[in-house]
N, C-alpha and C. Protein backbone atom coordinates (compact mmCIF):
# COMPACT_ATOMS: atom_id res chain seq x y z
N MET A 1 -8.78 -23.55 -5.90
CA MET A 1 -9.42 -22.27 -5.99
C MET A 1 -10.61 -22.19 -5.04
N GLY A 2 -11.28 -23.29 -4.80
CA GLY A 2 -12.42 -23.30 -3.90
C GLY A 2 -12.04 -22.97 -2.48
N ASN A 3 -10.87 -23.46 -2.03
CA ASN A 3 -10.42 -23.15 -0.67
C ASN A 3 -10.13 -21.67 -0.51
N GLU A 4 -9.53 -21.08 -1.52
CA GLU A 4 -9.22 -19.65 -1.45
C GLU A 4 -10.49 -18.82 -1.40
N GLU A 5 -11.48 -19.18 -2.20
CA GLU A 5 -12.73 -18.44 -2.20
C GLU A 5 -13.44 -18.56 -0.86
N SER A 6 -13.44 -19.75 -0.27
CA SER A 6 -14.10 -19.89 1.02
C SER A 6 -13.33 -19.17 2.11
N PHE A 7 -12.01 -19.15 2.02
CA PHE A 7 -11.20 -18.42 2.99
C PHE A 7 -11.49 -16.92 2.90
N LEU A 8 -11.53 -16.39 1.69
CA LEU A 8 -11.80 -14.97 1.52
C LEU A 8 -13.23 -14.62 1.92
N ALA A 9 -14.15 -15.53 1.72
CA ALA A 9 -15.53 -15.26 2.09
C ALA A 9 -15.70 -15.14 3.60
N HIS A 10 -14.90 -15.88 4.37
CA HIS A 10 -15.01 -15.83 5.82
C HIS A 10 -14.28 -14.64 6.43
N HIS A 11 -13.34 -14.08 5.71
CA HIS A 11 -12.52 -12.98 6.23
C HIS A 11 -12.64 -11.74 5.35
N ARG A 12 -13.82 -11.37 5.00
CA ARG A 12 -14.03 -10.24 4.10
C ARG A 12 -13.52 -8.94 4.70
N SER A 13 -13.95 -8.62 5.89
CA SER A 13 -13.62 -7.32 6.45
C SER A 13 -12.13 -7.19 6.75
N SER A 14 -11.47 -8.27 7.15
CA SER A 14 -10.05 -8.16 7.47
C SER A 14 -9.22 -7.84 6.23
N TRP A 15 -9.54 -8.44 5.09
CA TRP A 15 -8.78 -8.14 3.87
C TRP A 15 -9.04 -6.72 3.40
N HIS A 16 -10.28 -6.28 3.54
CA HIS A 16 -10.62 -4.92 3.14
C HIS A 16 -9.89 -3.91 4.03
N LEU A 17 -9.86 -4.16 5.33
CA LEU A 17 -9.16 -3.26 6.24
C LEU A 17 -7.66 -3.26 5.99
N ARG A 18 -7.11 -4.41 5.71
CA ARG A 18 -5.66 -4.49 5.41
C ARG A 18 -5.33 -3.68 4.16
N ALA A 19 -6.17 -3.77 3.16
CA ALA A 19 -5.92 -3.03 1.93
C ALA A 19 -6.03 -1.52 2.17
N LEU A 20 -6.98 -1.11 2.98
CA LEU A 20 -7.10 0.31 3.30
C LEU A 20 -5.88 0.81 4.09
N ARG A 21 -5.42 0.01 5.04
CA ARG A 21 -4.23 0.39 5.79
C ARG A 21 -3.00 0.43 4.90
N MET A 22 -2.93 -0.49 3.95
CA MET A 22 -1.81 -0.51 3.03
C MET A 22 -1.79 0.74 2.16
N GLN A 23 -2.97 1.23 1.79
CA GLN A 23 -3.04 2.48 1.03
C GLN A 23 -2.47 3.64 1.84
N TRP A 24 -2.85 3.73 3.10
CA TRP A 24 -2.33 4.81 3.94
C TRP A 24 -0.83 4.69 4.13
N PHE A 25 -0.35 3.46 4.30
CA PHE A 25 1.09 3.24 4.45
C PHE A 25 1.83 3.72 3.20
N GLY A 26 1.31 3.40 2.03
CA GLY A 26 1.93 3.83 0.78
C GLY A 26 1.93 5.34 0.64
N LEU A 27 0.84 5.98 0.99
CA LEU A 27 0.78 7.44 0.92
C LEU A 27 1.75 8.10 1.89
N VAL A 28 1.86 7.54 3.09
CA VAL A 28 2.79 8.09 4.09
C VAL A 28 4.23 7.95 3.60
N LEU A 29 4.57 6.81 3.02
CA LEU A 29 5.94 6.64 2.51
C LEU A 29 6.24 7.59 1.37
N LEU A 30 5.29 7.79 0.48
CA LEU A 30 5.50 8.75 -0.61
C LEU A 30 5.66 10.17 -0.08
N PHE A 31 4.83 10.54 0.89
CA PHE A 31 4.93 11.86 1.50
C PHE A 31 6.27 12.01 2.22
N LEU A 32 6.70 10.97 2.93
CA LEU A 32 7.98 11.01 3.63
C LEU A 32 9.14 11.18 2.65
N ALA A 33 9.11 10.47 1.55
CA ALA A 33 10.18 10.60 0.55
C ALA A 33 10.21 12.01 -0.03
N ALA A 34 9.04 12.56 -0.34
CA ALA A 34 8.99 13.91 -0.89
C ALA A 34 9.44 14.95 0.13
N ALA A 35 9.03 14.78 1.38
CA ALA A 35 9.42 15.73 2.42
C ALA A 35 10.92 15.66 2.70
N LEU A 36 11.48 14.46 2.74
CA LEU A 36 12.92 14.33 2.96
C LEU A 36 13.71 14.96 1.81
N ALA A 37 13.21 14.80 0.60
CA ALA A 37 13.92 15.36 -0.55
C ALA A 37 13.82 16.89 -0.56
N ALA A 38 12.66 17.41 -0.19
CA ALA A 38 12.45 18.85 -0.29
C ALA A 38 12.99 19.63 0.90
N LEU A 39 12.89 19.08 2.09
CA LEU A 39 13.15 19.86 3.29
C LEU A 39 14.48 19.57 3.99
N THR A 40 15.21 18.58 3.53
CA THR A 40 16.47 18.24 4.18
C THR A 40 17.59 18.19 3.15
N ASP A 41 18.79 17.97 3.64
CA ASP A 41 19.94 17.80 2.74
C ASP A 41 20.20 16.31 2.47
N PHE A 42 19.12 15.54 2.49
CA PHE A 42 19.22 14.09 2.32
C PHE A 42 19.81 13.72 0.96
N LEU A 43 19.56 14.54 -0.06
CA LEU A 43 20.07 14.24 -1.40
C LEU A 43 21.58 14.40 -1.49
N ASP A 44 22.15 15.23 -0.61
CA ASP A 44 23.60 15.45 -0.64
C ASP A 44 24.38 14.36 0.07
N GLN A 45 23.72 13.61 0.95
CA GLN A 45 24.40 12.56 1.70
C GLN A 45 24.61 11.34 0.81
N SER A 46 25.67 10.60 1.12
CA SER A 46 25.91 9.38 0.34
C SER A 46 24.83 8.35 0.69
N GLY A 47 24.21 7.80 -0.30
CA GLY A 47 23.14 6.83 -0.11
C GLY A 47 21.78 7.47 0.11
N GLY A 48 21.72 8.78 0.16
CA GLY A 48 20.45 9.45 0.39
C GLY A 48 19.46 9.25 -0.74
N VAL A 49 19.96 9.32 -1.96
CA VAL A 49 19.08 9.13 -3.12
C VAL A 49 18.52 7.70 -3.14
N ALA A 50 19.36 6.74 -2.80
CA ALA A 50 18.90 5.35 -2.79
C ALA A 50 17.80 5.14 -1.74
N ILE A 51 17.94 5.76 -0.58
CA ILE A 51 16.92 5.63 0.45
C ILE A 51 15.62 6.29 0.02
N LEU A 52 15.72 7.46 -0.59
CA LEU A 52 14.51 8.14 -1.07
C LEU A 52 13.80 7.33 -2.15
N VAL A 53 14.57 6.77 -3.05
CA VAL A 53 13.99 5.94 -4.10
C VAL A 53 13.36 4.69 -3.50
N ALA A 54 14.00 4.11 -2.50
CA ALA A 54 13.45 2.92 -1.85
C ALA A 54 12.12 3.26 -1.16
N PHE A 55 12.06 4.38 -0.44
CA PHE A 55 10.81 4.80 0.20
C PHE A 55 9.71 4.99 -0.84
N ALA A 56 10.03 5.69 -1.91
CA ALA A 56 9.04 5.95 -2.95
C ALA A 56 8.59 4.66 -3.63
N LEU A 57 9.52 3.77 -3.90
CA LEU A 57 9.18 2.51 -4.56
C LEU A 57 8.30 1.63 -3.68
N VAL A 58 8.64 1.51 -2.40
CA VAL A 58 7.82 0.72 -1.50
C VAL A 58 6.43 1.35 -1.35
N GLY A 59 6.38 2.67 -1.30
CA GLY A 59 5.09 3.35 -1.23
C GLY A 59 4.23 3.09 -2.45
N LEU A 60 4.83 3.17 -3.63
CA LEU A 60 4.07 2.90 -4.86
C LEU A 60 3.62 1.45 -4.94
N LEU A 61 4.48 0.52 -4.54
CA LEU A 61 4.09 -0.89 -4.55
C LEU A 61 2.96 -1.16 -3.57
N ALA A 62 3.00 -0.53 -2.40
CA ALA A 62 1.93 -0.70 -1.43
C ALA A 62 0.60 -0.17 -1.99
N LEU A 63 0.66 0.98 -2.65
CA LEU A 63 -0.56 1.53 -3.26
C LEU A 63 -1.09 0.62 -4.37
N LEU A 64 -0.19 0.09 -5.17
CA LEU A 64 -0.60 -0.78 -6.27
C LEU A 64 -1.26 -2.06 -5.75
N VAL A 65 -0.63 -2.69 -4.78
CA VAL A 65 -1.19 -3.93 -4.24
C VAL A 65 -2.52 -3.67 -3.55
N ALA A 66 -2.61 -2.57 -2.82
CA ALA A 66 -3.87 -2.25 -2.14
C ALA A 66 -4.98 -2.00 -3.16
N ARG A 67 -4.68 -1.29 -4.22
CA ARG A 67 -5.71 -1.03 -5.23
C ARG A 67 -6.12 -2.32 -5.94
N LEU A 68 -5.17 -3.21 -6.17
CA LEU A 68 -5.52 -4.49 -6.80
C LEU A 68 -6.44 -5.30 -5.89
N ILE A 69 -6.19 -5.27 -4.59
CA ILE A 69 -7.05 -5.99 -3.66
C ILE A 69 -8.44 -5.37 -3.64
N LEU A 70 -8.49 -4.05 -3.57
CA LEU A 70 -9.78 -3.38 -3.45
C LEU A 70 -10.59 -3.42 -4.75
N LEU A 71 -9.92 -3.46 -5.89
CA LEU A 71 -10.63 -3.47 -7.17
C LEU A 71 -10.91 -4.86 -7.71
N SER A 72 -10.42 -5.89 -7.04
CA SER A 72 -10.71 -7.25 -7.48
C SER A 72 -12.19 -7.53 -7.26
N PRO A 73 -12.77 -8.47 -7.98
CA PRO A 73 -14.19 -8.78 -7.77
C PRO A 73 -14.50 -9.15 -6.33
N ALA A 74 -13.61 -9.89 -5.68
CA ALA A 74 -13.84 -10.24 -4.28
C ALA A 74 -13.72 -9.00 -3.40
N GLY A 75 -12.86 -8.05 -3.78
CA GLY A 75 -12.71 -6.81 -3.02
C GLY A 75 -13.96 -5.96 -3.09
N ARG A 76 -14.60 -5.92 -4.24
CA ARG A 76 -15.85 -5.17 -4.36
C ARG A 76 -16.95 -5.83 -3.53
N LEU A 77 -16.93 -7.16 -3.47
CA LEU A 77 -17.88 -7.86 -2.63
C LEU A 77 -17.64 -7.54 -1.16
N ARG A 78 -16.37 -7.47 -0.76
CA ARG A 78 -16.03 -7.17 0.62
C ARG A 78 -16.50 -5.78 1.01
N ALA A 79 -16.44 -4.85 0.08
CA ALA A 79 -16.84 -3.49 0.38
C ALA A 79 -18.35 -3.39 0.57
N ARG A 80 -19.11 -4.22 -0.12
CA ARG A 80 -20.57 -4.19 -0.01
C ARG A 80 -21.07 -4.90 1.24
N HIS A 81 -20.35 -5.95 1.66
CA HIS A 81 -20.80 -6.76 2.80
C HIS A 81 -19.76 -6.67 3.92
N PRO A 82 -19.93 -5.71 4.82
CA PRO A 82 -18.93 -5.56 5.90
C PRO A 82 -18.93 -6.67 6.89
């Protein structure tokens, strides 16, 4: 555990930036899935529903992981000390 803490202490800003980018990636995937479902005939194509669900699921997982990183005690420390 000590090695992990020292590693995270040396790379504070990179983990914080990665988590922020992951949040945007998740939001873009969710928006893409909603736009494909609403504005195209993607739901009528074979496999279209599976692709939309995959986009939405990956987007939600990216948001979840990013929020866990940012809300962890080390994540709050990273936000205070750039």
